[in-house]
PDB file of N, CA and C in Angstrom:
ATOM      1  N   MET A   1     130.864 134.515  80.352  1.00  0.00           N
ATOM      2  CA  MET A   1     131.780 133.677  81.109  1.00  0.00           C
ATOM      3  C   MET A   1     131.932 132.323  80.424  1.00  0.00           C
ATOM      4  N   THR A   2     133.114 131.769  80.536  1.00  0.00           N
ATOM      5  CA  THR A   2     133.318 130.431  80.004  1.00  0.00           C
ATOM      6  C   THR A   2     132.789 129.420  80.999  1.00  0.00           C
ATOM      7  N   PRO A   3     132.456 128.221  80.560  1.00  0.00           N
ATOM      8  CA  PRO A   3     131.978 127.207  81.493  1.00  0.00           C
ATOM      9  C   PRO A   3     132.960 126.945  82.625  1.00  0.00           C
ATOM     10  N   ALA A   4     134.264 126.956  82.338  1.00  0.00           N
ATOM     11  CA  ALA A   4     135.253 126.689  83.386  1.00  0.00           C
ATOM     12  C   ALA A   4     135.215 127.760  84.461  1.00  0.00           C
ATOM     13  N   LEU A   5     135.087 129.024  84.061  1.00  0.00           N
ATOM     14  CA  LEU A   5     135.026 130.092  85.048  1.00  0.00           C
ATOM     15  C   LEU A   5     133.730 130.037  85.829  1.00  0.00           C
ATOM     16  N   THR A   6     132.643 129.721  85.161  1.00  0.00           N
ATOM     17  CA  THR A   6     131.366 129.582  85.839  1.00  0.00           C
ATOM     18  C   THR A   6     131.410 128.438  86.840  1.00  0.00           C
ATOM     19  N   GLN A   7     132.036 127.349  86.436  1.00  0.00           N
ATOM     20  CA  GLN A   7     132.129 126.182  87.308  1.00  0.00           C
ATOM     21  C   GLN A   7     132.871 126.510  88.596  1.00  0.00           C
ATOM     22  N   HIS A   8     133.834 127.413  88.534  1.00  0.00           N
ATOM     23  CA  HIS A   8     134.674 127.709  89.691  1.00  0.00           C
ATOM     24  C   HIS A   8     134.402 129.089  90.276  1.00  0.00           C
ATOM     25  N   HIS A   9     133.186 129.612  90.054  1.00  0.00           N
ATOM     26  CA  HIS A   9     132.884 130.956  90.521  1.00  0.00           C
ATOM     27  C   HIS A   9     132.986 131.103  92.029  1.00  0.00           C
ATOM     28  N   CYS A  10     132.814 130.046  92.774  1.00  0.00           N
ATOM     29  CA  CYS A  10     132.856 130.130  94.232  1.00  0.00           C
ATOM     30  C   CYS A  10     134.289 130.245  94.748  1.00  0.00           C
ATOM     31  N   THR A  11     135.266 130.153  93.875  1.00  0.00           N
ATOM     32  CA  THR A  11     136.662 130.187  94.297  1.00  0.00           C
ATOM     33  C   THR A  11     137.326 131.521  93.960  1.00  0.00           C
ATOM     34  N   THR A  12     136.544 132.562  93.843  1.00  0.00           N
ATOM     35  CA  THR A  12     137.105 133.838  93.418  1.00  0.00           C
ATOM     36  C   THR A  12     138.148 134.372  94.386  1.00  0.00           C
ATOM     37  N   HIS A  13     138.180 133.905  95.613  1.00  0.00           N
ATOM     38  CA  HIS A  13     139.171 134.370  96.579  1.00  0.00           C
ATOM     39  C   HIS A  13     140.406 133.490  96.613  1.00  0.00           C
ATOM     40  N   ALA A  14     140.422 132.419  95.855  1.00  0.00           N
ATOM     41  CA  ALA A  14     141.597 131.558  95.783  1.00  0.00           C
ATOM     42  C   ALA A  14     142.588 132.141  94.789  1.00  0.00           C
ATOM     43  N   PRO A  15     143.877 132.025  95.093  1.00  0.00           N
ATOM     44  CA  PRO A  15     144.880 132.514  94.138  1.00  0.00           C
ATOM     45  C   PRO A  15     144.786 131.781  92.805  1.00  0.00           C
ATOM     46  N   LEU A  16     145.033 132.514  91.728  1.00  0.00           N
ATOM     47  CA  LEU A  16     145.091 131.941  90.390  1.00  0.00           C
ATOM     48  C   LEU A  16     146.546 131.615  90.094  1.00  0.00           C
ATOM     49  N   ILE A  17     146.793 130.415  89.583  1.00  0.00           N
ATOM     50  CA  ILE A  17     148.157 130.008  89.272  1.00  0.00           C
ATOM     51  C   ILE A  17     148.207 129.362  87.902  1.00  0.00           C
ATOM     52  N   ARG A  18     149.358 129.381  87.294  1.00  0.00           N
ATOM     53  CA  ARG A  18     149.558 128.735  86.000  1.00  0.00           C
ATOM     54  C   ARG A  18     149.844 127.261  86.197  1.00  0.00           C
ATOM     55  N   ASP A  19     149.481 126.458  85.209  1.00  0.00           N
ATOM     56  CA  ASP A  19     149.670 125.011  85.311  1.00  0.00           C
ATOM     57  C   ASP A  19     151.124 124.582  85.120  1.00  0.00           C
ATOM     58  N   ASP A  20     152.020 125.533  84.798  1.00  0.00           N
ATOM     59  CA  ASP A  20     153.433 125.175  84.682  1.00  0.00           C
ATOM     60  C   ASP A  20     154.192 125.321  86.001  1.00  0.00           C
ATOM     61  N   MET A  21     153.490 125.691  87.075  1.00  0.00           N
ATOM     62  CA  MET A  21     154.086 125.788  88.401  1.00  0.00           C
ATOM     63  C   MET A  21     154.391 124.396  88.934  1.00  0.00           C
ATOM     64  N   THR A  22     155.474 124.259  89.698  1.00  0.00           N
ATOM     65  CA  THR A  22     155.784 122.963  90.295  1.00  0.00           C
ATOM     66  C   THR A  22     154.910 122.721  91.525  1.00  0.00           C
ATOM     67  N   VAL A  23     154.804 121.469  91.888  1.00  0.00           N
ATOM     68  CA  VAL A  23     154.042 121.090  93.077  1.00  0.00           C
ATOM     69  C   VAL A  23     154.619 121.777  94.311  1.00  0.00           C
ATOM     70  N   GLU A  24     155.940 121.811  94.432  1.00  0.00           N
ATOM     71  CA  GLU A  24     156.580 122.438  95.594  1.00  0.00           C
ATOM     72  C   GLU A  24     156.225 123.917  95.704  1.00  0.00           C
ATOM     73  N   VAL A  25     156.274 124.631  94.597  1.00  0.00           N
ATOM     74  CA  VAL A  25     155.950 126.059  94.611  1.00  0.00           C
ATOM     75  C   VAL A  25     154.478 126.255  94.948  1.00  0.00           C
ATOM     76  N   ALA A  26     153.615 125.421  94.399  1.00  0.00           N
ATOM     77  CA  ALA A  26     152.186 125.518  94.696  1.00  0.00           C
ATOM     78  C   ALA A  26     151.920 125.283  96.181  1.00  0.00           C
ATOM     79  N   LEU A  27     152.574 124.294  96.761  1.00  0.00           N
ATOM     80  CA  LEU A  27     152.402 124.033  98.192  1.00  0.00           C
ATOM     81  C   LEU A  27     152.899 125.214  99.027  1.00  0.00           C
ATOM     82  N   SER A  28     154.003 125.803  98.621  1.00  0.00           N
ATOM     83  CA  SER A  28     154.528 126.967  99.323  1.00  0.00           C
ATOM     84  C   SER A  28     153.563 128.149  99.221  1.00  0.00           C
ATOM     85  N   LEU A  29     153.005 128.356  98.048  1.00  0.00           N
ATOM     86  CA  LEU A  29     152.030 129.427  97.851  1.00  0.00           C
ATOM     87  C   LEU A  29     150.792 129.208  98.715  1.00  0.00           C
ATOM     88  N   MET A  30     150.318 127.973  98.781  1.00  0.00           N
ATOM     89  CA  MET A  30     149.152 127.664  99.616  1.00  0.00           C
ATOM     90  C   MET A  30     149.437 127.974 101.073  1.00  0.00           C
ATOM     91  N   ALA A  31     150.624 127.603 101.533  1.00  0.00           N
ATOM     92  CA  ALA A  31     150.986 127.863 102.932  1.00  0.00           C
ATOM     93  C   ALA A  31     151.035 129.366 103.199  1.00  0.00           C
ATOM     94  N   GLY A  32     151.646 130.114 102.292  1.00  0.00           N
ATOM     95  CA  GLY A  32     151.752 131.555 102.471  1.00  0.00           C
ATOM     96  C   GLY A  32     150.414 132.265 102.407  1.00  0.00           C
ATOM     97  N   ALA A  33     149.545 131.797 101.527  1.00  0.00           N
ATOM     98  CA  ALA A  33     148.226 132.416 101.367  1.00  0.00           C
ATOM     99  C   ALA A  33     147.203 131.859 102.348  1.00  0.00           C
ATOM    100  N   GLN A  34     147.575 130.813 103.056  1.00  0.00           N
ATOM    101  CA  GLN A  34     146.705 130.141 104.019  1.00  0.00           C
ATOM    102  C   GLN A  34     145.392 129.711 103.371  1.00  0.00           C
ATOM    103  N   VAL A  35     145.522 128.996 102.242  1.00  0.00           N
ATOM    104  CA  VAL A  35     144.365 128.465 101.523  1.00  0.00           C
ATOM    105  C   VAL A  35     144.549 126.966 101.338  1.00  0.00           C
ATOM    106  N   ASP A  36     143.444 126.274 101.064  1.00  0.00           N
ATOM    107  CA  ASP A  36     143.520 124.828 100.863  1.00  0.00           C
ATOM    108  C   ASP A  36     143.301 124.430  99.412  1.00  0.00           C
ATOM    109  N   HIS A  37     143.212 125.428  98.520  1.00  0.00           N
ATOM    110  CA  HIS A  37     143.093 125.134  97.090  1.00  0.00           C
ATOM    111  C   HIS A  37     143.534 126.347  96.276  1.00  0.00           C
ATOM    112  N   LEU A  38     143.870 126.076  95.028  1.00  0.00           N
ATOM    113  CA  LEU A  38     144.261 127.110  94.079  1.00  0.00           C
ATOM    114  C   LEU A  38     143.482 126.892  92.792  1.00  0.00           C
ATOM    115  N   VAL A  39     143.235 127.966  92.051  1.00  0.00           N
ATOM    116  CA  VAL A  39     142.573 127.864  90.756  1.00  0.00           C
ATOM    117  C   VAL A  39     143.663 127.750  89.693  1.00  0.00           C
ATOM    118  N   LEU A  40     143.622 126.656  88.927  1.00  0.00           N
ATOM    119  CA  LEU A  40     144.597 126.415  87.866  1.00  0.00           C
ATOM    120  C   LEU A  40     144.199 127.154  86.601  1.00  0.00           C
ATOM    121  N   CYS A  41     145.176 127.780  85.944  1.00  0.00           N
ATOM    122  CA  CYS A  41     144.949 128.453  84.682  1.00  0.00           C
ATOM    123  C   CYS A  41     145.957 127.954  83.656  1.00  0.00           C
ATOM    124  N   ASP A  42     145.542 127.941  82.403  1.00  0.00           N
ATOM    125  CA  ASP A  42     146.453 127.535  81.336  1.00  0.00           C
ATOM    126  C   ASP A  42     147.257 128.744  80.858  1.00  0.00           C
ATOM    127  N   GLY A  43     148.019 128.582  79.793  1.00  0.00           N
ATOM    128  CA  GLY A  43     148.852 129.642  79.258  1.00  0.00           C
ATOM    129  C   GLY A  43     148.079 130.847  78.766  1.00  0.00           C
ATOM    130  N   ASP A  44     146.785 130.691  78.513  1.00  0.00           N
ATOM    131  CA  ASP A  44     145.921 131.790  78.078  1.00  0.00           C
ATOM    132  C   ASP A  44     145.145 132.406  79.237  1.00  0.00           C
ATOM    133  N   ASP A  45     145.540 132.065  80.460  1.00  0.00           N
ATOM    134  CA  ASP A  45     144.881 132.546  81.678  1.00  0.00           C
ATOM    135  C   ASP A  45     143.413 132.152  81.761  1.00  0.00           C
ATOM    136  N   GLN A  46     143.071 131.006  81.190  1.00  0.00           N
ATOM    137  CA  GLN A  46     141.717 130.465  81.295  1.00  0.00           C
ATOM    138  C   GLN A  46     141.693 129.433  82.416  1.00  0.00           C
ATOM    139  N   SER A  47     140.704 129.509  83.271  1.00  0.00           N
ATOM    140  CA  SER A  47     140.572 128.555  84.367  1.00  0.00           C
ATOM    141  C   SER A  47     140.392 127.149  83.813  1.00  0.00           C
ATOM    142  N   THR A  48     141.200 126.225  84.324  1.00  0.00           N
ATOM    143  CA  THR A  48     141.114 124.836  83.872  1.00  0.00           C
ATOM    144  C   THR A  48     140.747 123.884  84.999  1.00  0.00           C
ATOM    145  N   GLY A  49     140.622 124.379  86.215  1.00  0.00           N
ATOM    146  CA  GLY A  49     140.245 123.515  87.324  1.00  0.00           C
ATOM    147  C   GLY A  49     140.824 123.998  88.633  1.00  0.00           C
ATOM    148  N   LEU A  50     140.742 123.125  89.613  1.00  0.00           N
ATOM    149  CA  LEU A  50     141.259 123.404  90.945  1.00  0.00           C
ATOM    150  C   LEU A  50     142.332 122.391  91.300  1.00  0.00           C
ATOM    151  N   VAL A  51     143.222 122.805  92.161  1.00  0.00           N
ATOM    152  CA  VAL A  51     144.172 121.876  92.742  1.00  0.00           C
ATOM    153  C   VAL A  51     144.081 122.083  94.259  1.00  0.00           C
ATOM    154  N   THR A  52     143.965 120.985  94.983  1.00  0.00           N
ATOM    155  CA  THR A  52     143.763 121.071  96.430  1.00  0.00           C
ATOM    156  C   THR A  52     145.029 120.700  97.194  1.00  0.00           C
ATOM    157  N   LEU A  53     145.087 121.179  98.409  1.00  0.00           N
ATOM    158  CA  LEU A  53     146.195 120.863  99.297  1.00  0.00           C
ATOM    159  C   LEU A  53     146.275 119.358  99.523  1.00  0.00           C
ATOM    160  N   ALA A  54     145.142 118.722  99.730  1.00  0.00           N
ATOM    161  CA  ALA A  54     145.126 117.277  99.967  1.00  0.00           C
ATOM    162  C   ALA A  54     145.706 116.515  98.774  1.00  0.00           C
ATOM    163  N   ARG A  55     145.321 116.923  97.565  1.00  0.00           N
ATOM    164  CA  ARG A  55     145.813 116.240  96.362  1.00  0.00           C
ATOM    165  C   ARG A  55     147.317 116.427  96.192  1.00  0.00           C
ATOM    166  N   LEU A  56     147.792 117.652  96.401  1.00  0.00           N
ATOM    167  CA  LEU A  56     149.227 117.898  96.252  1.00  0.00           C
ATOM    168  C   LEU A  56     150.039 117.190  97.323  1.00  0.00           C
ATOM    169  N   THR A  57     149.526 117.163  98.537  1.00  0.00           N
ATOM    170  CA  THR A  57     150.228 116.475  99.618  1.00  0.00           C
ATOM    171  C   THR A  57     150.303 114.983  99.340  1.00  0.00           C
ATOM    172  N   ALA A  58     149.216 114.403  98.876  1.00  0.00           N
ATOM    173  CA  ALA A  58     149.218 112.976  98.539  1.00  0.00           C
ATOM    174  C   ALA A  58     150.205 112.691  97.414  1.00  0.00           C
ATOM    175  N   HIS A  59     150.226 113.560  96.413  1.00  0.00           N
ATOM    176  CA  HIS A  59     151.152 113.364  95.296  1.00  0.00           C
ATOM    177  C   HIS A  59     152.595 113.493  95.772  1.00  0.00           C
ATOM    178  N   ARG A  60     152.868 114.466  96.620  1.00  0.00           N
ATOM    179  CA  ARG A  60     154.233 114.664  97.136  1.00  0.00           C
ATOM    180  C   ARG A  60     154.686 113.477  97.975  1.00  0.00           C
ATOM    181  N   ASN A  61     153.775 112.802  98.636  1.00  0.00           N
ATOM    182  CA  ASN A  61     154.129 111.655  99.470  1.00  0.00           C
ATOM    183  C   ASN A  61     154.262 110.354  98.691  1.00  0.00           C
ATOM    184  N   ALA A  62     153.970 110.374  97.395  1.00  0.00           N
ATOM    185  CA  ALA A  62     154.083 109.166  96.566  1.00  0.00           C
ATOM    186  C   ALA A  62     155.560 108.826  96.354  1.00  0.00           C
ATOM    187  N   PRO A  63     155.867 107.542  96.247  1.00  0.00           N
ATOM    188  CA  PRO A  63     157.269 107.130  96.078  1.00  0.00           C
ATOM    189  C   PRO A  63     157.897 107.606  94.768  1.00  0.00           C
ATOM    190  N   THR A  64     157.107 107.922  93.773  1.00  0.00           N
ATOM    191  CA  THR A  64     157.639 108.355  92.472  1.00  0.00           C
ATOM    192  C   THR A  64     157.783 109.865  92.358  1.00  0.00           C
ATOM    193  N   TYR A  65     157.500 110.591  93.423  1.00  0.00           N
ATOM    194  CA  TYR A  65     157.515 112.054  93.384  1.00  0.00           C
ATOM    195  C   TYR A  65     158.929 112.609  93.183  1.00  0.00           C
ATOM    196  N   THR A  66     159.035 113.655  92.365  1.00  0.00           N
ATOM    197  CA  THR A  66     160.251 114.460  92.281  1.00  0.00           C
ATOM    198  C   THR A  66     159.844 115.919  92.394  1.00  0.00           C
ATOM    199  N   ASP A  67     160.778 116.773  92.745  1.00  0.00           N
ATOM    200  CA  ASP A  67     160.454 118.188  92.918  1.00  0.00           C
ATOM    201  C   ASP A  67     160.353 118.940  91.593  1.00  0.00           C
ATOM    202  N   ARG A  68     160.449 118.236  90.487  1.00  0.00           N
ATOM    203  CA  ARG A  68     160.325 118.865  89.168  1.00  0.00           C
ATOM    204  C   ARG A  68     158.949 118.681  88.545  1.00  0.00           C
ATOM    205  N   VAL A  69     158.057 117.987  89.218  1.00  0.00           N
ATOM    206  CA  VAL A  69     156.719 117.729  88.681  1.00  0.00           C
ATOM    207  C   VAL A  69     155.935 119.036  88.624  1.00  0.00           C
ATOM    208  N   ARG A  70     155.384 119.304  87.464  1.00  0.00           N
ATOM    209  CA  ARG A  70     154.564 120.506  87.269  1.00  0.00           C
ATOM    210  C   ARG A  70     153.091 120.135  87.451  1.00  0.00           C
ATOM    211  N   LEU A  71     152.293 121.096  87.798  1.00  0.00           N
ATOM    212  CA  LEU A  71     150.877 120.838  88.043  1.00  0.00           C
ATOM    213  C   LEU A  71     150.191 120.251  86.814  1.00  0.00           C
ATOM    214  N   ARG A  72     150.545 120.687  85.625  1.00  0.00           N
ATOM    215  CA  ARG A  72     149.923 120.148  84.420  1.00  0.00           C
ATOM    216  C   ARG A  72     150.282 118.686  84.176  1.00  0.00           C
ATOM    217  N   ASP A  73     151.323 118.179  84.865  1.00  0.00           N
ATOM    218  CA  ASP A  73     151.738 116.793  84.713  1.00  0.00           C
ATOM    219  C   ASP A  73     150.993 115.838  85.643  1.00  0.00           C
ATOM    220  N   LEU A  74     150.228 116.381  86.582  1.00  0.00           N
ATOM    221  CA  LEU A  74     149.484 115.539  87.510  1.00  0.00           C
ATOM    222  C   LEU A  74     148.343 114.846  86.761  1.00  0.00           C
ATOM    223  N   SER A  75     148.150 113.596  87.057  1.00  0.00           N
ATOM    224  CA  SER A  75     147.032 112.880  86.414  1.00  0.00           C
ATOM    225  C   SER A  75     145.722 113.362  87.012  1.00  0.00           C
ATOM    226  N   GLU A  76     144.690 113.334  86.208  1.00  0.00           N
ATOM    227  CA  GLU A  76     143.359 113.712  86.681  1.00  0.00           C
ATOM    228  C   GLU A  76     142.857 112.680  87.681  1.00  0.00           C
ATOM    229  N   GLY A  77     142.120 113.178  88.639  1.00  0.00           N
ATOM    230  CA  GLY A  77     141.481 112.269  89.577  1.00  0.00           C
ATOM    231  C   GLY A  77     142.178 112.082  90.871  1.00  0.00           C
TER     232      GLY A  77
END
């Protein structure tokens, strides 16, 4: 296992998504799947981290938000 997959082993039931997904689509997926986080994957399907409902909601409520923002464009932290 890679360190990233090991780090996120407790999230095996969370949907895996690509980092090129938009924030809006990710929020819609979370609502449909009834989850509060998603596992982010890069173009090689390697886990790169988590994205949470709270983080996406906060980002969507920011004054600079547009519906074209992709998950990989979100700043860390």
